[in-house]
Amino acid sequence: LTVREDKCRRGTNLTPVNAVQVCIMGILTGLFWWQLPDDTDEHIMERFSILYFILIAQSNAVVITSVNTFARERQLMMREHAKGMYHPLPFFVAKTMSDTV
């Protein structure tokens, strides 16, 4: 399933919308990091907060994309599941893996 999804999505991973999102996220992160004081010992929690923000924002972007894709391809998955090809869990895992890579 993952190989099939990779072949179907070839060349669509970086779209202009994705490029703009990445640039905006980079600018925001850089601005937040730039405003932090240089004294690392006293302000370590602020640095952890920014790293946590980056991690959560990137994770949510991947999950939202996977969930939306799963909803769009529901008919295909239901047809292939009815034929006994696979269950919904392997389909969802394969789609998520191909989206994250």
C-alpha atoms as a PDB file:
ATOM      1  CA  LEU A   1       0.000   0.000   0.000  1.00  0.00           C
ATOM      2  CA  THR A   2       2.785   2.426   0.851  1.00  0.00           C
ATOM      3  CA  VAL A   3       4.561   1.795  -2.471  1.00  0.00           C
ATOM      4  CA  ARG A   4       1.316   2.342  -4.367  1.00  0.00           C
ATOM      5  CA  GLU A   5       0.660   5.580  -2.489  1.00  0.00           C
ATOM      6  CA  ASP A   6       4.191   6.812  -3.160  1.00  0.00           C
ATOM      7  CA  LYS A   7       3.702   6.196  -6.885  1.00  0.00           C
ATOM      8  CA  CYS A   8       0.360   8.026  -6.851  1.00  0.00           C
ATOM      9  CA  ARG A   9       1.744  11.019  -4.957  1.00  0.00           C
ATOM     10  CA  ARG A  10       4.972  11.336  -6.941  1.00  0.00           C
ATOM     11  CA  GLY A  11       5.763  14.999  -7.524  1.00  0.00           C
ATOM     12  CA  THR A  12       2.976  16.383  -5.319  1.00  0.00           C
ATOM     13  CA  ASN A  13       4.805  16.582  -2.001  1.00  0.00           C
ATOM     14  CA  LEU A  14       6.002  20.166  -2.418  1.00  0.00           C
ATOM     15  CA  THR A  15       3.269  22.448  -3.653  1.00  0.00           C
ATOM     16  CA  PRO A  16       3.302  26.250  -3.591  1.00  0.00           C
ATOM     17  CA  VAL A  17       0.946  26.207  -0.602  1.00  0.00           C
ATOM     18  CA  ASN A  18       3.251  23.854   1.304  1.00  0.00           C
ATOM     19  CA  ALA A  19       6.258  26.019   0.446  1.00  0.00           C
ATOM     20  CA  VAL A  20       4.492  29.130   1.766  1.00  0.00           C
ATOM     21  CA  GLN A  21       3.482  27.296   4.944  1.00  0.00           C
ATOM     22  CA  VAL A  22       7.042  26.161   5.555  1.00  0.00           C
ATOM     23  CA  CYS A  23       8.394  29.673   4.968  1.00  0.00           C
ATOM     24  CA  ILE A  24       5.862  31.258   7.330  1.00  0.00           C
ATOM     25  CA  MET A  25       6.570  28.627   9.985  1.00  0.00           C
ATOM     26  CA  GLY A  26      10.315  29.249   9.613  1.00  0.00           C
ATOM     27  CA  ILE A  27       9.886  33.014   9.894  1.00  0.00           C
ATOM     28  CA  LEU A  28       7.649  32.739  12.971  1.00  0.00           C
ATOM     29  CA  THR A  29      10.005  30.305  14.658  1.00  0.00           C
ATOM     30  CA  GLY A  30      12.992  32.516  13.865  1.00  0.00           C
ATOM     31  CA  LEU A  31      11.241  35.578  15.271  1.00  0.00           C
ATOM     32  CA  PHE A  32      10.285  33.748  18.456  1.00  0.00           C
ATOM     33  CA  TRP A  33      13.810  32.398  18.883  1.00  0.00           C
ATOM     34  CA  TRP A  34      15.362  35.794  18.140  1.00  0.00           C
ATOM     35  CA  GLN A  35      13.378  37.438  20.959  1.00  0.00           C
ATOM     36  CA  LEU A  36      14.723  35.050  23.608  1.00  0.00           C
ATOM     37  CA  PRO A  37      17.388  36.325  26.005  1.00  0.00           C
ATOM     38  CA  ASP A  38      20.916  34.967  25.678  1.00  0.00           C
ATOM     39  CA  ASP A  39      21.053  33.706  29.273  1.00  0.00           C
ATOM     40  CA  THR A  40      20.212  30.058  28.688  1.00  0.00           C
ATOM     41  CA  ASP A  41      20.180  28.897  32.320  1.00  0.00           C
ATOM     42  CA  GLU A  42      17.468  31.277  33.482  1.00  0.00           C
ATOM     43  CA  HIS A  43      15.312  31.076  30.351  1.00  0.00           C
ATOM     44  CA  ILE A  44      15.548  27.398  29.460  1.00  0.00           C
ATOM     45  CA  MET A  45      11.777  26.892  29.729  1.00  0.00           C
ATOM     46  CA  GLU A  46      11.183  29.513  27.033  1.00  0.00           C
ATOM     47  CA  ARG A  47      13.456  27.568  24.693  1.00  0.00           C
ATOM     48  CA  PHE A  48      11.657  24.331  25.520  1.00  0.00           C
ATOM     49  CA  SER A  49       8.337  26.074  24.859  1.00  0.00           C
ATOM     50  CA  ILE A  50       9.416  27.086  21.366  1.00  0.00           C
ATOM     51  CA  LEU A  51      10.716  23.607  20.574  1.00  0.00           C
ATOM     52  CA  TYR A  52       7.418  22.167  21.822  1.00  0.00           C
ATOM     53  CA  PHE A  53       5.502  24.622  19.610  1.00  0.00           C
ATOM     54  CA  ILE A  54       7.513  23.564  16.558  1.00  0.00           C
ATOM     55  CA  LEU A  55       7.000  19.870  17.287  1.00  0.00           C
ATOM     56  CA  ILE A  56       3.248  20.183  17.806  1.00  0.00           C
ATOM     57  CA  ALA A  57       2.714  22.428  14.765  1.00  0.00           C
ATOM     58  CA  GLN A  58       4.582  20.082  12.437  1.00  0.00           C
ATOM     59  CA  SER A  59       2.867  16.992  13.859  1.00  0.00           C
ATOM     60  CA  ASN A  60      -0.576  18.538  13.473  1.00  0.00           C
ATOM     61  CA  ALA A  61       0.113  19.437   9.858  1.00  0.00           C
ATOM     62  CA  VAL A  62       0.942  15.814   9.034  1.00  0.00           C
ATOM     63  CA  VAL A  63      -2.036  14.390  10.929  1.00  0.00           C
ATOM     64  CA  ILE A  64      -4.536  16.827   9.390  1.00  0.00           C
ATOM     65  CA  THR A  65      -3.278  15.988   5.904  1.00  0.00           C
ATOM     66  CA  SER A  66      -3.590  12.260   6.592  1.00  0.00           C
ATOM     67  CA  VAL A  67      -7.097  12.541   8.004  1.00  0.00           C
ATOM     68  CA  ASN A  68      -8.290  14.656   5.072  1.00  0.00           C
ATOM     69  CA  THR A  69      -6.764  12.216   2.599  1.00  0.00           C
ATOM     70  CA  PHE A  70      -8.406   9.289   4.357  1.00  0.00           C
ATOM     71  CA  ALA A  71     -11.816  10.986   4.083  1.00  0.00           C
ATOM     72  CA  ARG A  72     -11.330  11.734   0.369  1.00  0.00           C
ATOM     73  CA  GLU A  73     -10.375   8.163  -0.486  1.00  0.00           C
ATOM     74  CA  ARG A  74     -13.007   6.483   1.648  1.00  0.00           C
ATOM     75  CA  GLN A  75     -14.875   4.987  -1.338  1.00  0.00           C
ATOM     76  CA  LEU A  76     -11.689   3.428  -2.719  1.00  0.00           C
ATOM     77  CA  MET A  77     -10.826   1.976   0.669  1.00  0.00           C
ATOM     78  CA  MET A  78     -14.360   0.625   1.193  1.00  0.00           C
ATOM     79  CA  ARG A  79     -14.366  -1.025  -2.261  1.00  0.00           C
ATOM     80  CA  GLU A  80     -10.985  -2.668  -1.704  1.00  0.00           C
ATOM     81  CA  HIS A  81     -11.979  -3.705   1.822  1.00  0.00           C
ATOM     82  CA  ALA A  82     -15.171  -5.309   0.445  1.00  0.00           C
ATOM     83  CA  LYS A  83     -13.022  -7.336  -1.955  1.00  0.00           C
ATOM     84  CA  GLY A  84     -10.988  -8.560   1.013  1.00  0.00           C
ATOM     85  CA  MET A  85      -7.751  -6.850   0.015  1.00  0.00           C
ATOM     86  CA  TYR A  86      -7.039  -5.250   3.406  1.00  0.00           C
ATOM     87  CA  HIS A  87      -8.615  -3.683   6.484  1.00  0.00           C
ATOM     88  CA  PRO A  88      -8.871   0.083   7.186  1.00  0.00           C
ATOM     89  CA  LEU A  89      -5.948   0.125   9.657  1.00  0.00           C
ATOM     90  CA  PRO A  90      -3.231  -0.922   7.149  1.00  0.00           C
ATOM     91  CA  PHE A  91      -4.664   1.559   4.644  1.00  0.00           C
ATOM     92  CA  PHE A  92      -4.514   4.405   7.158  1.00  0.00           C
ATOM     93  CA  VAL A  93      -0.998   3.448   8.333  1.00  0.00           C
ATOM     94  CA  ALA A  94       0.283   3.262   4.739  1.00  0.00           C
ATOM     95  CA  LYS A  95      -1.244   6.653   3.889  1.00  0.00           C
ATOM     96  CA  THR A  96       0.213   8.225   7.032  1.00  0.00           C
ATOM     97  CA  MET A  97       3.678   6.777   6.367  1.00  0.00           C
ATOM     98  CA  SER A  98       3.701   8.002   2.772  1.00  0.00           C
ATOM     99  CA  ASP A  99       2.551  11.474   3.891  1.00  0.00           C
ATOM    100  CA  THR A 100       5.235  11.803   6.535  1.00  0.00           C
ATOM    101  CA  VAL A 101       8.069  10.802   4.220  1.00  0.00           C
END
